[in-house]
Structure formats: structure tokens, C-alpha cells
Amino acid sequence: MSGSAVDELARQLRADYDAAPRGRQAASIHLFGIRHAQALRGVSKSAVAERAGLPKSYGTEINKGVQLSEYVAITKPLV
């Protein structure tokens, strides 16, 4: 995936995180992983988190969402 595509994912992650209600930021990261699972396959989730200005360790949370995407569907927006 190109650097610009990773940058776009990072921008979207940051926007989702910033828009999340207080106490729901972790859920927003999981939902991001679910919503963008296809685009995130083969991409360093830690790099996306870092480019979004979030801790590198949040890549683990993004990956949880990607893994959940095979089993769940988003039925209600977080905000």
C-alpha cells in the first residue's frame, strides 16, 4: 500500500478518535479496524496509529477490529 493510502487511513483514524465521545475512544479504534479491514490488510497497524499521532501500541487495538470484521457488522454509529 502506498504511503499516501496509509496517510489517508491515519487521517481517518485520527478523525474517528477525536470525534468519539469521552470514554469511547477505544471503541472508535476497534470500529475503525472493522470498517477499514480490507484496506488495512497487509498494512502495519502500528504505523497507521503512529501517523495518526496515537501511541504505536494502538495498532493492537486496530488489529482487534480487523479480526472482528469477519464476524460482526456495524449496525449503529458511535457518535
PDB file of N, CA and C in Angstrom:
ATOM      1  N   MET A   1       0.851  -1.173   0.000  1.00  0.00           N
ATOM      2  CA  MET A   1       0.000   0.000   0.000  1.00  0.00           C
ATOM      3  C   MET A   1       0.893   1.231   0.000  1.00  0.00           C
ATOM      4  N   SER A   2       0.497   2.232  -0.739  1.00  0.00           N
ATOM      5  CA  SER A   2       1.310   3.436  -0.847  1.00  0.00           C
ATOM      6  C   SER A   2       1.274   4.257   0.439  1.00  0.00           C
ATOM      7  N   GLY A   3       2.291   5.085   0.592  1.00  0.00           N
ATOM      8  CA  GLY A   3       2.367   5.947   1.760  1.00  0.00           C
ATOM      9  C   GLY A   3       1.173   6.874   1.876  1.00  0.00           C
ATOM     10  N   SER A   4       0.682   7.349   0.721  1.00  0.00           N
ATOM     11  CA  SER A   4      -0.471   8.254   0.768  1.00  0.00           C
ATOM     12  C   SER A   4      -1.730   7.531   1.239  1.00  0.00           C
ATOM     13  N   ALA A   5      -1.863   6.251   0.899  1.00  0.00           N
ATOM     14  CA  ALA A   5      -3.012   5.479   1.372  1.00  0.00           C
ATOM     15  C   ALA A   5      -2.925   5.279   2.884  1.00  0.00           C
ATOM     16  N   VAL A   6      -1.726   5.020   3.386  1.00  0.00           N
ATOM     17  CA  VAL A   6      -1.526   4.874   4.828  1.00  0.00           C
ATOM     18  C   VAL A   6      -1.815   6.207   5.510  1.00  0.00           C
ATOM     19  N   ASP A   7      -1.384   7.298   4.898  1.00  0.00           N
ATOM     20  CA  ASP A   7      -1.665   8.624   5.458  1.00  0.00           C
ATOM     21  C   ASP A   7      -3.167   8.881   5.522  1.00  0.00           C
ATOM     22  N   GLU A   8      -3.886   8.479   4.492  1.00  0.00           N
ATOM     23  CA  GLU A   8      -5.341   8.676   4.482  1.00  0.00           C
ATOM     24  C   GLU A   8      -6.006   7.848   5.586  1.00  0.00           C
ATOM     25  N   LEU A   9      -5.565   6.605   5.754  1.00  0.00           N
ATOM     26  CA  LEU A   9      -6.089   5.781   6.852  1.00  0.00           C
ATOM     27  C   LEU A   9      -5.788   6.442   8.192  1.00  0.00           C
ATOM     28  N   ALA A  10      -4.590   6.971   8.341  1.00  0.00           N
ATOM     29  CA  ALA A  10      -4.205   7.641   9.590  1.00  0.00           C
ATOM     30  C   ALA A  10      -5.076   8.870   9.843  1.00  0.00           C
ATOM     31  N   ARG A  11      -5.359   9.637   8.806  1.00  0.00           N
ATOM     32  CA  ARG A  11      -6.228  10.815   8.961  1.00  0.00           C
ATOM     33  C   ARG A  11      -7.622  10.398   9.408  1.00  0.00           C
ATOM     34  N   GLN A  12      -8.133   9.329   8.808  1.00  0.00           N
ATOM     35  CA  GLN A  12      -9.474   8.864   9.169  1.00  0.00           C
ATOM     36  C   GLN A  12      -9.498   8.337  10.600  1.00  0.00           C
ATOM     37  N   LEU A  13      -8.456   7.591  10.987  1.00  0.00           N
ATOM     38  CA  LEU A  13      -8.364   7.088  12.362  1.00  0.00           C
ATOM     39  C   LEU A  13      -8.366   8.255  13.343  1.00  0.00           C
ATOM     40  N   ARG A  14      -7.571   9.272  13.070  1.00  0.00           N
ATOM     41  CA  ARG A  14      -7.493  10.421  13.977  1.00  0.00           C
ATOM     42  C   ARG A  14      -8.838  11.128  14.068  1.00  0.00           C
ATOM     43  N   ALA A  15      -9.507  11.286  12.936  1.00  0.00           N
ATOM     44  CA  ALA A  15     -10.821  11.941  12.928  1.00  0.00           C
ATOM     45  C   ALA A  15     -11.826  11.136  13.746  1.00  0.00           C
ATOM     46  N   ASP A  16     -11.823   9.811  13.570  1.00  0.00           N
ATOM     47  CA  ASP A  16     -12.732   8.946  14.327  1.00  0.00           C
ATOM     48  C   ASP A  16     -12.440   9.037  15.819  1.00  0.00           C
ATOM     49  N   TYR A  17     -11.163   9.006  16.162  1.00  0.00           N
ATOM     50  CA  TYR A  17     -10.748   9.051  17.563  1.00  0.00           C
ATOM     51  C   TYR A  17     -11.156  10.386  18.193  1.00  0.00           C
ATOM     52  N   ASP A  18     -10.908  11.470  17.494  1.00  0.00           N
ATOM     53  CA  ASP A  18     -11.238  12.791  18.022  1.00  0.00           C
ATOM     54  C   ASP A  18     -12.741  13.015  18.147  1.00  0.00           C
ATOM     55  N   ALA A  19     -13.532  12.396  17.278  1.00  0.00           N
ATOM     56  CA  ALA A  19     -14.985  12.564  17.298  1.00  0.00           C
ATOM     57  C   ALA A  19     -15.671  11.656  18.322  1.00  0.00           C
ATOM     58  N   ALA A  20     -14.959  10.668  18.819  1.00  0.00           N
ATOM     59  CA  ALA A  20     -15.557   9.709  19.753  1.00  0.00           C
ATOM     60  C   ALA A  20     -15.895  10.380  21.077  1.00  0.00           C
ATOM     61  N   PRO A  21     -17.033  10.018  21.642  1.00  0.00           N
ATOM     62  CA  PRO A  21     -17.361  10.551  22.965  1.00  0.00           C
ATOM     63  C   PRO A  21     -16.315  10.123  23.994  1.00  0.00           C
ATOM     64  N   ARG A  22     -16.153  10.931  25.006  1.00  0.00           N
ATOM     65  CA  ARG A  22     -15.209  10.613  26.079  1.00  0.00           C
ATOM     66  C   ARG A  22     -15.522   9.228  26.637  1.00  0.00           C
ATOM     67  N   GLY A  23     -14.506   8.417  26.796  1.00  0.00           N
ATOM     68  CA  GLY A  23     -14.685   7.062  27.297  1.00  0.00           C
ATOM     69  C   GLY A  23     -14.971   6.046  26.206  1.00  0.00           C
ATOM     70  N   ARG A  24     -15.106   6.500  24.966  1.00  0.00           N
ATOM     71  CA  ARG A  24     -15.412   5.609  23.846  1.00  0.00           C
ATOM     72  C   ARG A  24     -14.315   5.592  22.790  1.00  0.00           C
ATOM     73  N   GLN A  25     -13.166   6.179  23.116  1.00  0.00           N
ATOM     74  CA  GLN A  25     -12.094   6.244  22.131  1.00  0.00           C
ATOM     75  C   GLN A  25     -11.597   4.864  21.736  1.00  0.00           C
ATOM     76  N   ALA A  26     -11.474   3.948  22.697  1.00  0.00           N
ATOM     77  CA  ALA A  26     -11.015   2.587  22.367  1.00  0.00           C
ATOM     78  C   ALA A  26     -12.007   1.916  21.425  1.00  0.00           C
ATOM     79  N   ALA A  27     -13.295   2.101  21.677  1.00  0.00           N
ATOM     80  CA  ALA A  27     -14.314   1.536  20.792  1.00  0.00           C
ATOM     81  C   ALA A  27     -14.193   2.120  19.391  1.00  0.00           C
ATOM     82  N   SER A  28     -13.846   3.415  19.300  1.00  0.00           N
ATOM     83  CA  SER A  28     -13.713   4.031  17.982  1.00  0.00           C
ATOM     84  C   SER A  28     -12.566   3.404  17.200  1.00  0.00           C
ATOM     85  N   ILE A  29     -11.515   3.000  17.903  1.00  0.00           N
ATOM     86  CA  ILE A  29     -10.380   2.356  17.240  1.00  0.00           C
ATOM     87  C   ILE A  29     -10.778   0.978  16.733  1.00  0.00           C
ATOM     88  N   HIS A  30     -11.519   0.229  17.528  1.00  0.00           N
ATOM     89  CA  HIS A  30     -11.987  -1.089  17.090  1.00  0.00           C
ATOM     90  C   HIS A  30     -12.914  -0.944  15.885  1.00  0.00           C
ATOM     91  N   LEU A  31     -13.828   0.030  15.946  1.00  0.00           N
ATOM     92  CA  LEU A  31     -14.749   0.248  14.824  1.00  0.00           C
ATOM     93  C   LEU A  31     -13.998   0.665  13.562  1.00  0.00           C
ATOM     94  N   PHE A  32     -12.956   1.462  13.724  1.00  0.00           N
ATOM     95  CA  PHE A  32     -12.114   1.832  12.585  1.00  0.00           C
ATOM     96  C   PHE A  32     -11.537   0.575  11.936  1.00  0.00           C
ATOM     97  N   GLY A  33     -11.026  -0.344  12.747  1.00  0.00           N
ATOM     98  CA  GLY A  33     -10.466  -1.586  12.226  1.00  0.00           C
ATOM     99  C   GLY A  33     -11.503  -2.422  11.495  1.00  0.00           C
ATOM    100  N   ILE A  34     -12.722  -2.449  12.032  1.00  0.00           N
ATOM    101  CA  ILE A  34     -13.803  -3.207  11.389  1.00  0.00           C
ATOM    102  C   ILE A  34     -14.165  -2.553  10.055  1.00  0.00           C
ATOM    103  N   ARG A  35     -14.362  -1.236  10.080  1.00  0.00           N
ATOM    104  CA  ARG A  35     -14.810  -0.502   8.890  1.00  0.00           C
ATOM    105  C   ARG A  35     -13.774  -0.528   7.766  1.00  0.00           C
ATOM    106  N   HIS A  36     -12.497  -0.498   8.115  1.00  0.00           N
ATOM    107  CA  HIS A  36     -11.433  -0.399   7.107  1.00  0.00           C
ATOM    108  C   HIS A  36     -10.596  -1.674   7.010  1.00  0.00           C
ATOM    109  N   ALA A  37     -11.166  -2.790   7.419  1.00  0.00           N
ATOM    110  CA  ALA A  37     -10.415  -4.057   7.483  1.00  0.00           C
ATOM    111  C   ALA A  37      -9.750  -4.402   6.154  1.00  0.00           C
ATOM    112  N   GLN A  38     -10.466  -4.266   5.075  1.00  0.00           N
ATOM    113  CA  GLN A  38      -9.906  -4.644   3.770  1.00  0.00           C
ATOM    114  C   GLN A  38      -8.688  -3.797   3.435  1.00  0.00           C
ATOM    115  N   ALA A  39      -8.785  -2.512   3.637  1.00  0.00           N
ATOM    116  CA  ALA A  39      -7.669  -1.608   3.321  1.00  0.00           C
ATOM    117  C   ALA A  39      -6.491  -1.803   4.275  1.00  0.00           C
ATOM    118  N   LEU A  40      -6.764  -2.286   5.479  1.00  0.00           N
ATOM    119  CA  LEU A  40      -5.713  -2.452   6.488  1.00  0.00           C
ATOM    120  C   LEU A  40      -4.954  -3.768   6.362  1.00  0.00           C
ATOM    121  N   ARG A  41      -5.463  -4.692   5.575  1.00  0.00           N
ATOM    122  CA  ARG A  41      -4.770  -5.977   5.432  1.00  0.00           C
ATOM    123  C   ARG A  41      -3.415  -5.747   4.761  1.00  0.00           C
ATOM    124  N   GLY A  42      -2.387  -6.279   5.353  1.00  0.00           N
ATOM    125  CA  GLY A  42      -1.041  -6.120   4.819  1.00  0.00           C
ATOM    126  C   GLY A  42      -0.380  -4.801   5.169  1.00  0.00           C
ATOM    127  N   VAL A  43      -1.033  -4.018   6.004  1.00  0.00           N
ATOM    128  CA  VAL A  43      -0.510  -2.715   6.412  1.00  0.00           C
ATOM    129  C   VAL A  43      -0.133  -2.799   7.889  1.00  0.00           C
ATOM    130  N   SER A  44       0.945  -2.134   8.261  1.00  0.00           N
ATOM    131  CA  SER A  44       1.329  -2.069   9.673  1.00  0.00           C
ATOM    132  C   SER A  44       0.319  -1.203  10.426  1.00  0.00           C
ATOM    133  N   LYS A  45      -0.442  -1.835  11.281  1.00  0.00           N
ATOM    134  CA  LYS A  45      -1.435  -1.102  12.068  1.00  0.00           C
ATOM    135  C   LYS A  45      -0.748  -0.146  13.031  1.00  0.00           C
ATOM    136  N   SER A  46       0.418  -0.533  13.537  1.00  0.00           N
ATOM    137  CA  SER A  46       1.177   0.343  14.428  1.00  0.00           C
ATOM    138  C   SER A  46       1.619   1.605  13.688  1.00  0.00           C
ATOM    139  N   ALA A  47       2.003   1.465  12.427  1.00  0.00           N
ATOM    140  CA  ALA A  47       2.408   2.622  11.628  1.00  0.00           C
ATOM    141  C   ALA A  47       1.223   3.557  11.397  1.00  0.00           C
ATOM    142  N   VAL A  48       0.049   3.003  11.159  1.00  0.00           N
ATOM    143  CA  VAL A  48      -1.150   3.826  10.974  1.00  0.00           C
ATOM    144  C   VAL A  48      -1.436   4.594  12.262  1.00  0.00           C
ATOM    145  N   ALA A  49      -1.362   3.903  13.398  1.00  0.00           N
ATOM    146  CA  ALA A  49      -1.613   4.560  14.686  1.00  0.00           C
ATOM    147  C   ALA A  49      -0.604   5.683  14.917  1.00  0.00           C
ATOM    148  N   GLU A  50       0.670   5.411  14.655  1.00  0.00           N
ATOM    149  CA  GLU A  50       1.708   6.431  14.857  1.00  0.00           C
ATOM    150  C   GLU A  50       1.498   7.636  13.953  1.00  0.00           C
ATOM    151  N   ARG A  51       1.168   7.391  12.702  1.00  0.00           N
ATOM    152  CA  ARG A  51       0.936   8.502  11.765  1.00  0.00           C
ATOM    153  C   ARG A  51      -0.293   9.313  12.159  1.00  0.00           C
ATOM    154  N   ALA A  52      -1.205   8.667  12.894  1.00  0.00           N
ATOM    155  CA  ALA A  52      -2.399   9.374  13.380  1.00  0.00           C
ATOM    156  C   ALA A  52      -2.096  10.164  14.647  1.00  0.00           C
ATOM    157  N   GLY A  53      -0.860  10.065  15.130  1.00  0.00           N
ATOM    158  CA  GLY A  53      -0.495  10.774  16.345  1.00  0.00           C
ATOM    159  C   GLY A  53      -0.931  10.062  17.606  1.00  0.00           C
ATOM    160  N   LEU A  54      -1.187   8.775  17.489  1.00  0.00           N
ATOM    161  CA  LEU A  54      -1.597   7.946  18.621  1.00  0.00           C
ATOM    162  C   LEU A  54      -0.451   7.019  19.001  1.00  0.00           C
ATOM    163  N   PRO A  55      -0.493   6.459  20.193  1.00  0.00           N
ATOM    164  CA  PRO A  55       0.579   5.532  20.575  1.00  0.00           C
ATOM    165  C   PRO A  55       0.678   4.342  19.615  1.00  0.00           C
ATOM    166  N   LYS A  56       1.893   3.922  19.363  1.00  0.00           N
ATOM    167  CA  LYS A  56       2.147   2.781  18.478  1.00  0.00           C
ATOM    168  C   LYS A  56       1.373   1.544  18.939  1.00  0.00           C
ATOM    169  N   SER A  57       1.219   1.400  20.255  1.00  0.00           N
ATOM    170  CA  SER A  57       0.531   0.231  20.819  1.00  0.00           C
ATOM    171  C   SER A  57      -0.938   0.154  20.401  1.00  0.00           C
ATOM    172  N   TYR A  58      -1.510   1.266  19.923  1.00  0.00           N
ATOM    173  CA  TYR A  58      -2.897   1.239  19.462  1.00  0.00           C
ATOM    174  C   TYR A  58      -3.057   0.393  18.208  1.00  0.00           C
ATOM    175  N   GLY A  59      -1.949   0.069  17.566  1.00  0.00           N
ATOM    176  CA  GLY A  59      -2.005  -0.841  16.427  1.00  0.00           C
ATOM    177  C   GLY A  59      -2.629  -2.170  16.809  1.00  0.00           C
ATOM    178  N   THR A  60      -2.407  -2.602  18.039  1.00  0.00           N
ATOM    179  CA  THR A  60      -3.018  -3.842  18.540  1.00  0.00           C
ATOM    180  C   THR A  60      -4.535  -3.710  18.559  1.00  0.00           C
ATOM    181  N   GLU A  61      -5.021  -2.553  18.969  1.00  0.00           N
ATOM    182  CA  GLU A  61      -6.470  -2.329  19.022  1.00  0.00           C
ATOM    183  C   GLU A  61      -7.068  -2.279  17.618  1.00  0.00           C
ATOM    184  N   ILE A  62      -6.350  -1.669  16.686  1.00  0.00           N
ATOM    185  CA  ILE A  62      -6.809  -1.660  15.289  1.00  0.00           C
ATOM    186  C   ILE A  62      -6.896  -3.092  14.784  1.00  0.00           C
ATOM    187  N   ASN A  63      -5.878  -3.882  15.082  1.00  0.00           N
ATOM    188  CA  ASN A  63      -5.857  -5.273  14.624  1.00  0.00           C
ATOM    189  C   ASN A  63      -7.021  -6.072  15.196  1.00  0.00           C
ATOM    190  N   LYS A  64      -7.407  -5.801  16.426  1.00  0.00           N
ATOM    191  CA  LYS A  64      -8.577  -6.477  17.007  1.00  0.00           C
ATOM    192  C   LYS A  64      -9.816  -6.200  16.171  1.00  0.00           C
ATOM    193  N   GLY A  65      -9.970  -4.955  15.739  1.00  0.00           N
ATOM    194  CA  GLY A  65     -11.106  -4.610  14.886  1.00  0.00           C
ATOM    195  C   GLY A  65     -11.054  -5.331  13.550  1.00  0.00           C
ATOM    196  N   VAL A  66      -9.874  -5.401  12.959  1.00  0.00           N
ATOM    197  CA  VAL A  66      -9.718  -6.104  11.681  1.00  0.00           C
ATOM    198  C   VAL A  66     -10.121  -7.567  11.844  1.00  0.00           C
ATOM    199  N   GLN A  67      -9.672  -8.194  12.913  1.00  0.00           N
ATOM    200  CA  GLN A  67     -10.018  -9.596  13.150  1.00  0.00           C
ATOM    201  C   GLN A  67     -11.513  -9.765  13.400  1.00  0.00           C
ATOM    202  N   LEU A  68     -12.116  -8.836  14.128  1.00  0.00           N
ATOM    203  CA  LEU A  68     -13.555  -8.911  14.392  1.00  0.00           C
ATOM    204  C   LEU A  68     -14.394  -8.712  13.134  1.00  0.00           C
ATOM    205  N   SER A  69     -13.837  -8.036  12.144  1.00  0.00           N
ATOM    206  CA  SER A  69     -14.603  -7.706  10.937  1.00  0.00           C
ATOM    207  C   SER A  69     -15.157  -8.937  10.223  1.00  0.00           C
ATOM    208  N   GLU A  70     -14.539 -10.069  10.430  1.00  0.00           N
ATOM    209  CA  GLU A  70     -15.027 -11.303   9.811  1.00  0.00           C
ATOM    210  C   GLU A  70     -16.301 -11.816  10.473  1.00  0.00           C
ATOM    211  N   TYR A  71     -16.610 -11.330  11.662  1.00  0.00           N
ATOM    212  CA  TYR A  71     -17.701 -11.884  12.454  1.00  0.00           C
ATOM    213  C   TYR A  71     -18.797 -10.882  12.808  1.00  0.00           C
ATOM    214  N   VAL A  72     -18.552  -9.597  12.623  1.00  0.00           N
ATOM    215  CA  VAL A  72     -19.518  -8.592  13.063  1.00  0.00           C
ATOM    216  C   VAL A  72     -19.824  -7.600  11.948  1.00  0.00           C
ATOM    217  N   ALA A  73     -20.914  -6.907  12.128  1.00  0.00           N
ATOM    218  CA  ALA A  73     -21.279  -5.807  11.234  1.00  0.00           C
ATOM    219  C   ALA A  73     -21.637  -4.612  12.108  1.00  0.00           C
ATOM    220  N   ILE A  74     -21.268  -3.427  11.680  1.00  0.00           N
ATOM    221  CA  ILE A  74     -21.588  -2.215  12.417  1.00  0.00           C
ATOM    222  C   ILE A  74     -23.052  -1.861  12.111  1.00  0.00           C
ATOM    223  N   THR A  75     -23.855  -1.783  13.153  1.00  0.00           N
ATOM    224  CA  THR A  75     -25.266  -1.505  12.965  1.00  0.00           C
ATOM    225  C   THR A  75     -25.675  -0.124  13.469  1.00  0.00           C
ATOM    226  N   LYS A  76     -24.775   0.513  14.210  1.00  0.00           N
ATOM    227  CA  LYS A  76     -25.076   1.817  14.790  1.00  0.00           C
ATOM    228  C   LYS A  76     -23.794   2.624  14.882  1.00  0.00           C
ATOM    229  N   PRO A  77     -23.823   3.882  14.473  1.00  0.00           N
ATOM    230  CA  PRO A  77     -22.606   4.700  14.592  1.00  0.00           C
ATOM    231  C   PRO A  77     -22.297   4.989  16.046  1.00  0.00           C
ATOM    232  N   LEU A  78     -21.033   5.220  16.327  1.00  0.00           N
ATOM    233  CA  LEU A  78     -20.595   5.510  17.691  1.00  0.00           C
ATOM    234  C   LEU A  78     -21.037   6.899  18.121  1.00  0.00           C
ATOM    235  N   VAL A  79     -21.053   7.829  17.182  1.00  0.00           N
ATOM    236  CA  VAL A  79     -21.430   9.216  17.514  1.00  0.00           C
ATOM    237  C   VAL A  79     -22.697   9.619  16.797  1.00  0.00           C
TER     238      VAL A  79
END
